PDB file of N, CA and C in Angstrom:
ATOM      1  N   MET A   1     116.638 -23.300-145.259  1.00  0.00           N
ATOM      2  CA  MET A   1     117.761 -23.926-144.590  1.00  0.00           C
ATOM      3  C   MET A   1     119.060 -23.293-145.082  1.00  0.00           C
ATOM      4  N   GLY A   2     120.011 -23.027-144.175  1.00  0.00           N
ATOM      5  CA  GLY A   2     121.261 -22.377-144.524  1.00  0.00           C
ATOM      6  C   GLY A   2     122.275 -23.329-145.123  1.00  0.00           C
ATOM      7  N   LYS A   3     123.366 -22.765-145.551  1.00  0.00           N
ATOM      8  CA  LYS A   3     124.448 -23.562-146.126  1.00  0.00           C
ATOM      9  C   LYS A   3     125.206 -24.281-145.015  1.00  0.00           C
ATOM     10  N   ALA A   4     125.781 -25.419-145.365  1.00  0.00           N
ATOM     11  CA  ALA A   4     126.576 -26.197-144.417  1.00  0.00           C
ATOM     12  C   ALA A   4     127.949 -25.555-144.234  1.00  0.00           C
ATOM     13  N   TRP A   5     128.633 -25.964-143.197  1.00  0.00           N
ATOM     14  CA  TRP A   5     129.990 -25.506-142.921  1.00  0.00           C
ATOM     15  C   TRP A   5     130.985 -26.457-143.574  1.00  0.00           C
ATOM     16  N   TRP A   6     132.045 -25.893-144.144  1.00  0.00           N
ATOM     17  CA  TRP A   6     133.087 -26.665-144.817  1.00  0.00           C
ATOM     18  C   TRP A   6     134.457 -26.170-144.381  1.00  0.00           C
ATOM     19  N   VAL A   7     135.443 -27.072-144.385  1.00  0.00           N
ATOM     20  CA  VAL A   7     136.836 -26.704-144.176  1.00  0.00           C
ATOM     21  C   VAL A   7     137.449 -26.554-145.560  1.00  0.00           C
ATOM     22  N   GLU A   8     137.957 -25.368-145.863  1.00  0.00           N
ATOM     23  CA  GLU A   8     138.623 -25.107-147.142  1.00  0.00           C
ATOM     24  C   GLU A   8     140.122 -25.023-146.874  1.00  0.00           C
ATOM     25  N   ILE A   9     140.894 -25.843-147.578  1.00  0.00           N
ATOM     26  CA  ILE A   9     142.346 -25.835-147.431  1.00  0.00           C
ATOM     27  C   ILE A   9     142.954 -25.566-148.799  1.00  0.00           C
ATOM     28  N   ILE A  10     143.771 -24.516-148.874  1.00  0.00           N
ATOM     29  CA  ILE A  10     144.420 -24.137-150.128  1.00  0.00           C
ATOM     30  C   ILE A  10     145.903 -24.463-150.003  1.00  0.00           C
ATOM     31  N   THR A  11     146.434 -25.181-151.003  1.00  0.00           N
ATOM     32  CA  THR A  11     147.843 -25.574-150.987  1.00  0.00           C
ATOM     33  C   THR A  11     148.538 -25.156-152.276  1.00  0.00           C
ATOM     34  N   LYS A  12     149.858 -25.158-152.204  1.00  0.00           N
ATOM     35  CA  LYS A  12     150.710 -24.973-153.373  1.00  0.00           C
ATOM     36  C   LYS A  12     151.581 -26.215-153.473  1.00  0.00           C
ATOM     37  N   LYS A  13     151.840 -26.635-154.682  1.00  0.00           N
ATOM     38  CA  LYS A  13     152.668 -27.825-154.936  1.00  0.00           C
ATOM     39  C   LYS A  13     152.094 -29.027-154.210  1.00  0.00           C
ATOM     40  N   PRO A  14     150.933 -29.518-154.511  1.00  0.00           N
ATOM     41  CA  PRO A  14     150.114 -29.176-155.671  1.00  0.00           C
ATOM     42  C   PRO A  14     149.285 -27.917-155.430  1.00  0.00           C
ATOM     43  N   ASP A  15     148.991 -27.213-156.509  1.00  0.00           N
ATOM     44  CA  ASP A  15     148.144 -26.020-156.456  1.00  0.00           C
ATOM     45  C   ASP A  15     146.694 -26.467-156.449  1.00  0.00           C
ATOM     46  N   CYS A  16     146.150 -26.611-155.254  1.00  0.00           N
ATOM     47  CA  CYS A  16     144.793 -27.149-155.108  1.00  0.00           C
ATOM     48  C   CYS A  16     144.014 -26.413-154.031  1.00  0.00           C
ATOM     49  N   THR A  17     142.717 -26.501-154.157  1.00  0.00           N
ATOM     50  CA  THR A  17     141.808 -26.110-153.091  1.00  0.00           C
ATOM     51  C   THR A  17     141.003 -27.346-152.746  1.00  0.00           C
ATOM     52  N   TYR A  18     141.033 -27.708-151.469  1.00  0.00           N
ATOM     53  CA  TYR A  18     140.317 -28.890-150.984  1.00  0.00           C
ATOM     54  C   TYR A  18     139.161 -28.450-150.101  1.00  0.00           C
ATOM     55  N   TYR A  19     138.043 -29.121-150.221  1.00  0.00           N
ATOM     56  CA  TYR A  19     136.885 -28.875-149.356  1.00  0.00           C
ATOM     57  C   TYR A  19     136.561 -30.148-148.598  1.00  0.00           C
ATOM     58  N   PHE A  20     136.424 -30.023-147.283  1.00  0.00           N
ATOM     59  CA  PHE A  20     136.069 -31.147-146.424  1.00  0.00           C
ATOM     60  C   PHE A  20     134.808 -30.792-145.658  1.00  0.00           C
ATOM     61  N   GLY A  21     133.852 -31.694-145.676  1.00  0.00           N
ATOM     62  CA  GLY A  21     132.597 -31.446-144.989  1.00  0.00           C
ATOM     63  C   GLY A  21     131.529 -32.309-145.607  1.00  0.00           C
ATOM     64  N   PRO A  22     130.295 -31.967-145.445  1.00  0.00           N
ATOM     65  CA  PRO A  22     129.746 -30.797-144.748  1.00  0.00           C
ATOM     66  C   PRO A  22     129.622 -31.048-143.242  1.00  0.00           C
ATOM     67  N   PHE A  23     129.573 -29.944-142.510  1.00  0.00           N
ATOM     68  CA  PHE A  23     129.411 -29.981-141.067  1.00  0.00           C
ATOM     69  C   PHE A  23     128.208 -29.143-140.670  1.00  0.00           C
ATOM     70  N   VAL A  24     127.603 -29.529-139.559  1.00  0.00           N
ATOM     71  CA  VAL A  24     126.415 -28.834-139.064  1.00  0.00           C
ATOM     72  C   VAL A  24     126.786 -27.495-138.437  1.00  0.00           C
ATOM     73  N   SER A  25     127.985 -27.429-137.827  1.00  0.00           N
ATOM     74  CA  SER A  25     128.374 -26.200-137.131  1.00  0.00           C
ATOM     75  C   SER A  25     129.831 -25.843-137.420  1.00  0.00           C
ATOM     76  N   HIS A  26     130.157 -24.588-137.161  1.00  0.00           N
ATOM     77  CA  HIS A  26     131.528 -24.105-137.292  1.00  0.00           C
ATOM     78  C   HIS A  26     132.438 -24.898-136.355  1.00  0.00           C
ATOM     79  N   ARG A  27     131.984 -25.136-135.150  1.00  0.00           N
ATOM     80  CA  ARG A  27     132.767 -25.858-134.141  1.00  0.00           C
ATOM     81  C   ARG A  27     133.082 -27.287-134.602  1.00  0.00           C
ATOM     82  N   GLU A  28     132.101 -27.967-135.171  1.00  0.00           N
ATOM     83  CA  GLU A  28     132.309 -29.331-135.664  1.00  0.00           C
ATOM     84  C   GLU A  28     133.387 -29.345-136.755  1.00  0.00           C
ATOM     85  N   ALA A  29     133.341 -28.378-137.667  1.00  0.00           N
ATOM     86  CA  ALA A  29     134.344 -28.276-138.732  1.00  0.00           C
ATOM     87  C   ALA A  29     135.719 -27.984-138.144  1.00  0.00           C
ATOM     88  N   GLN A  30     135.750 -27.114-137.156  1.00  0.00           N
ATOM     89  CA  GLN A  30     137.007 -26.742-136.509  1.00  0.00           C
ATOM     90  C   GLN A  30     137.664 -27.956-135.847  1.00  0.00           C
ATOM     91  N   LEU A  31     136.864 -28.778-135.192  1.00  0.00           N
ATOM     92  CA  LEU A  31     137.395 -29.969-134.529  1.00  0.00           C
ATOM     93  C   LEU A  31     137.922 -30.995-135.532  1.00  0.00           C
ATOM     94  N   ALA A  32     137.362 -31.038-136.724  1.00  0.00           N
ATOM     95  CA  ALA A  32     137.748 -32.027-137.732  1.00  0.00           C
ATOM     96  C   ALA A  32     138.944 -31.602-138.576  1.00  0.00           C
ATOM     97  N   GLN A  33     139.257 -30.311-138.626  1.00  0.00           N
ATOM     98  CA  GLN A  33     140.267 -29.828-139.573  1.00  0.00           C
ATOM     99  C   GLN A  33     141.653 -30.425-139.354  1.00  0.00           C
ATOM    100  N   LEU A  34     142.038 -30.714-138.138  1.00  0.00           N
ATOM    101  CA  LEU A  34     143.362 -31.277-137.879  1.00  0.00           C
ATOM    102  C   LEU A  34     143.537 -32.625-138.580  1.00  0.00           C
ATOM    103  N   GLY A  35     142.511 -33.449-138.556  1.00  0.00           N
ATOM    104  CA  GLY A  35     142.574 -34.742-139.236  1.00  0.00           C
ATOM    105  C   GLY A  35     142.776 -34.595-140.732  1.00  0.00           C
ATOM    106  N   TYR A  36     142.136 -33.602-141.324  1.00  0.00           N
ATOM    107  CA  TYR A  36     142.299 -33.378-142.761  1.00  0.00           C
ATOM    108  C   TYR A  36     143.709 -32.894-143.087  1.00  0.00           C
ATOM    109  N   LEU A  37     144.253 -32.038-142.234  1.00  0.00           N
ATOM    110  CA  LEU A  37     145.622 -31.573-142.446  1.00  0.00           C
ATOM    111  C   LEU A  37     146.607 -32.733-142.371  1.00  0.00           C
ATOM    112  N   GLU A  38     146.384 -33.640-141.421  1.00  0.00           N
ATOM    113  CA  GLU A  38     147.252 -34.813-141.306  1.00  0.00           C
ATOM    114  C   GLU A  38     147.168 -35.675-142.563  1.00  0.00           C
ATOM    115  N   ASP A  39     145.975 -35.834-143.120  1.00  0.00           N
ATOM    116  CA  ASP A  39     145.815 -36.608-144.356  1.00  0.00           C
ATOM    117  C   ASP A  39     146.569 -35.966-145.516  1.00  0.00           C
ATOM    118  N   LEU A  40     146.513 -34.647-145.613  1.00  0.00           N
ATOM    119  CA  LEU A  40     147.174 -33.943-146.715  1.00  0.00           C
ATOM    120  C   LEU A  40     148.692 -33.947-146.584  1.00  0.00           C
ATOM    121  N   GLU A  41     149.213 -34.118-145.378  1.00  0.00           N
ATOM    122  CA  GLU A  41     150.664 -34.120-145.177  1.00  0.00           C
ATOM    123  C   GLU A  41     151.357 -35.190-146.013  1.00  0.00           C
ATOM    124  N   GLN A  42     150.654 -36.257-146.367  1.00  0.00           N
ATOM    125  CA  GLN A  42     151.236 -37.321-147.190  1.00  0.00           C
ATOM    126  C   GLN A  42     151.673 -36.790-148.552  1.00  0.00           C
ATOM    127  N   GLU A  43     150.991 -35.765-149.042  1.00  0.00           N
ATOM    128  CA  GLU A  43     151.338 -35.160-150.334  1.00  0.00           C
ATOM    129  C   GLU A  43     152.446 -34.128-150.197  1.00  0.00           C
ATOM    130  N   ARG A  44     152.801 -33.784-148.978  1.00  0.00           N
ATOM    131  CA  ARG A  44     153.820 -32.778-148.665  1.00  0.00           C
ATOM    132  C   ARG A  44     153.576 -31.444-149.384  1.00  0.00           C
ATOM    133  N   PRO A  45     152.374 -30.920-149.265  1.00  0.00           N
ATOM    134  CA  PRO A  45     152.094 -29.644-149.927  1.00  0.00           C
ATOM    135  C   PRO A  45     152.623 -28.470-149.117  1.00  0.00           C
ATOM    136  N   GLN A  46     152.744 -27.349-149.776  1.00  0.00           N
ATOM    137  CA  GLN A  46     153.017 -26.096-149.080  1.00  0.00           C
ATOM    138  C   GLN A  46     151.652 -25.518-148.740  1.00  0.00           C
ATOM    139  N   LEU A  47     151.367 -25.403-147.465  1.00  0.00           N
ATOM    140  CA  LEU A  47     150.063 -24.927-147.020  1.00  0.00           C
ATOM    141  C   LEU A  47     149.979 -23.416-147.165  1.00  0.00           C
ATOM    142  N   ILE A  48     148.894 -22.935-147.741  1.00  0.00           N
ATOM    143  CA  ILE A  48     148.707 -21.503-147.915  1.00  0.00           C
ATOM    144  C   ILE A  48     147.662 -20.966-146.954  1.00  0.00           C
ATOM    145  N   ALA A  49     146.501 -21.624-146.898  1.00  0.00           N
ATOM    146  CA  ALA A  49     145.427 -21.084-146.065  1.00  0.00           C
ATOM    147  C   ALA A  49     144.444 -22.171-145.656  1.00  0.00           C
ATOM    148  N   ILE A  50     143.870 -21.969-144.481  1.00  0.00           N
ATOM    149  CA  ILE A  50     142.783 -22.817-143.998  1.00  0.00           C
ATOM    150  C   ILE A  50     141.666 -21.874-143.582  1.00  0.00           C
ATOM    151  N   GLU A  51     140.465 -22.175-144.037  1.00  0.00           N
ATOM    152  CA  GLU A  51     139.318 -21.347-143.675  1.00  0.00           C
ATOM    153  C   GLU A  51     138.116 -22.254-143.455  1.00  0.00           C
ATOM    154  N   ILE A  52     137.355 -21.935-142.434  1.00  0.00           N
ATOM    155  CA  ILE A  52     136.100 -22.633-142.191  1.00  0.00           C
ATOM    156  C   ILE A  52     135.011 -21.666-142.604  1.00  0.00           C
ATOM    157  N   LYS A  53     134.171 -22.103-143.545  1.00  0.00           N
ATOM    158  CA  LYS A  53     133.155 -21.182-144.044  1.00  0.00           C
ATOM    159  C   LYS A  53     131.907 -21.919-144.482  1.00  0.00           C
ATOM    160  N   GLN A  54     130.843 -21.158-144.605  1.00  0.00           N
ATOM    161  CA  GLN A  54     129.593 -21.701-145.113  1.00  0.00           C
ATOM    162  C   GLN A  54     129.585 -21.523-146.620  1.00  0.00           C
ATOM    163  N   CYS A  55     129.418 -22.635-147.323  1.00  0.00           N
ATOM    164  CA  CYS A  55     129.404 -22.585-148.782  1.00  0.00           C
ATOM    165  C   CYS A  55     128.796 -23.874-149.307  1.00  0.00           C
ATOM    166  N   GLN A  56     128.739 -23.985-150.614  1.00  0.00           N
ATOM    167  CA  GLN A  56     128.280 -25.198-151.282  1.00  0.00           C
ATOM    168  C   GLN A  56     129.239 -25.480-152.433  1.00  0.00           C
ATOM    169  N   PRO A  57     130.388 -26.098-152.135  1.00  0.00           N
ATOM    170  CA  PRO A  57     131.359 -26.339-153.211  1.00  0.00           C
ATOM    171  C   PRO A  57     130.804 -27.285-154.271  1.00  0.00           C
ATOM    172  N   LYS A  58     131.114 -26.978-155.525  1.00  0.00           N
ATOM    173  CA  LYS A  58     130.674 -27.832-156.630  1.00  0.00           C
ATOM    174  C   LYS A  58     131.574 -29.053-156.757  1.00  0.00           C
ATOM    175  N   GLU A  59     132.838 -28.904-156.350  1.00  0.00           N
ATOM    176  CA  GLU A  59     133.807 -29.996-156.396  1.00  0.00           C
ATOM    177  C   GLU A  59     134.554 -30.013-155.072  1.00  0.00           C
ATOM    178  N   LEU A  60     134.995 -31.196-154.636  1.00  0.00           N
ATOM    179  CA  LEU A  60     135.705 -31.303-153.365  1.00  0.00           C
ATOM    180  C   LEU A  60     137.195 -31.020-153.500  1.00  0.00           C
ATOM    181  N   THR A  61     137.745 -31.222-154.693  1.00  0.00           N
ATOM    182  CA  THR A  61     139.146 -30.909-154.964  1.00  0.00           C
ATOM    183  C   THR A  61     139.208 -30.143-156.274  1.00  0.00           C
ATOM    184  N   VAL A  62     139.797 -28.965-156.226  1.00  0.00           N
ATOM    185  CA  VAL A  62     139.908 -28.131-157.420  1.00  0.00           C
ATOM    186  C   VAL A  62     141.390 -27.887-157.678  1.00  0.00           C
ATOM    187  N   PHE A  63     141.885 -28.394-158.813  1.00  0.00           N
ATOM    188  CA  PHE A  63     143.268 -28.174-159.204  1.00  0.00           C
ATOM    189  C   PHE A  63     143.352 -26.877-159.994  1.00  0.00           C
ATOM    190  N   LYS A  64     144.382 -26.092-159.755  1.00  0.00           N
ATOM    191  CA  LYS A  64     144.526 -24.800-160.416  1.00  0.00           C
ATOM    192  C   LYS A  64     144.496 -24.940-161.935  1.00  0.00           C
ATOM    193  N   ASP A  65     145.185 -25.940-162.496  1.00  0.00           N
ATOM    194  CA  ASP A  65     145.209 -26.141-163.949  1.00  0.00           C
ATOM    195  C   ASP A  65     143.827 -26.480-164.487  1.00  0.00           C
ATOM    196  N   GLU A  66     143.051 -27.270-163.722  1.00  0.00           N
ATOM    197  CA  GLU A  66     141.694 -27.599-164.154  1.00  0.00           C
ATOM    198  C   GLU A  66     140.835 -26.350-164.187  1.00  0.00           C
ATOM    199  N   TRP A  67     141.030 -25.461-163.215  1.00  0.00           N
ATOM    200  CA  TRP A  67     140.245 -24.226-163.179  1.00  0.00           C
ATOM    201  C   TRP A  67     140.536 -23.403-164.429  1.00  0.00           C
ATOM    202  N   ARG A  68     141.803 -23.336-164.804  1.00  0.00           N
ATOM    203  CA  ARG A  68     142.169 -22.573-166.005  1.00  0.00           C
ATOM    204  C   ARG A  68     141.526 -23.174-167.247  1.00  0.00           C
ATOM    205  N   GLU A  69     141.566 -24.510-167.352  1.00  0.00           N
ATOM    206  CA  GLU A  69     140.971 -25.172-168.512  1.00  0.00           C
ATOM    207  C   GLU A  69     139.475 -24.910-168.585  1.00  0.00           C
ATOM    208  N   LYS A  70     138.794 -25.010-167.460  1.00  0.00           N
ATOM    209  CA  LYS A  70     137.352 -24.779-167.444  1.00  0.00           C
ATOM    210  C   LYS A  70     137.041 -23.337-167.811  1.00  0.00           C
ATOM    211  N   ALA A  71     137.837 -22.407-167.319  1.00  0.00           N
ATOM    212  CA  ALA A  71     137.614 -20.998-167.633  1.00  0.00           C
ATOM    213  C   ALA A  71     137.851 -20.757-169.124  1.00  0.00           C
ATOM    214  N   TYR A  72     138.884 -21.389-169.685  1.00  0.00           N
ATOM    215  CA  TYR A  72     139.198 -21.219-171.098  1.00  0.00           C
ATOM    216  C   TYR A  72     138.053 -21.710-171.972  1.00  0.00           C
ATOM    217  N   PHE A  73     137.514 -22.869-171.665  1.00  0.00           N
ATOM    218  CA  PHE A  73     136.481 -23.448-172.506  1.00  0.00           C
ATOM    219  C   PHE A  73     135.114 -22.805-172.325  1.00  0.00           C
ATOM    220  N   THR A  74     134.947 -21.946-171.332  1.00  0.00           N
ATOM    221  CA  THR A  74     133.662 -21.276-171.174  1.00  0.00           C
ATOM    222  C   THR A  74     133.650 -19.911-171.853  1.00  0.00           C
ATOM    223  N   ILE A  75     134.776 -19.514-172.442  1.00  0.00           N
ATOM    224  CA  ILE A  75     134.831 -18.239-173.152  1.00  0.00           C
ATOM    225  C   ILE A  75     134.096 -18.375-174.479  1.00  0.00           C
ATOM    226  N   SER A  76     133.269 -17.426-174.755  1.00  0.00           N
ATOM    227  CA  SER A  76     132.522 -17.433-176.005  1.00  0.00           C
ATOM    228  C   SER A  76     133.484 -17.246-177.176  1.00  0.00           C
ATOM    229  N   PRO A  77     133.301 -17.976-178.281  1.00  0.00           N
ATOM    230  CA  PRO A  77     134.169 -17.805-179.452  1.00  0.00           C
ATOM    231  C   PRO A  77     134.171 -16.366-179.961  1.00  0.00           C
ATOM    232  N   ASP A  78     133.070 -15.658-179.777  1.00  0.00           N
ATOM    233  CA  ASP A  78     132.993 -14.274-180.232  1.00  0.00           C
ATOM    234  C   ASP A  78     133.927 -13.367-179.443  1.00  0.00           C
ATOM    235  N   LEU A  79     134.237 -13.744-178.203  1.00  0.00           N
ATOM    236  CA  LEU A  79     135.065 -12.906-177.347  1.00  0.00           C
ATOM    237  C   LEU A  79     136.539 -13.266-177.408  1.00  0.00           C
ATOM    238  N   SER A  80     136.882 -14.370-178.039  1.00  0.00           N
ATOM    239  CA  SER A  80     138.268 -14.835-178.023  1.00  0.00           C
ATOM    240  C   SER A  80     139.130 -14.201-179.108  1.00  0.00           C
ATOM    241  N   ALA A  81     138.569 -13.422-179.982  1.00  0.00           N
ATOM    242  CA  ALA A  81     139.323 -12.817-181.078  1.00  0.00           C
ATOM    243  C   ALA A  81     140.148 -11.645-180.630  1.00  0.00           C
TER     244      ALA A  81
END
């Protein structure tokens, strides 16, 4: 079975990547994306990109600072010197 379709929305201020889905088809995701954009307007973000793609996101909302923290803590102590 293939991966589901998701709407990926990347914003600045807040620096986030949002995933909405899953959807059975590209068309279904495309029809739903406007509603998600309207929901995000409450935060007044600067929109950077919208993409509909097949993937399996591990998290539905990824904050840029959280990504940095996770990347920092996965560095091996041997490599941090």
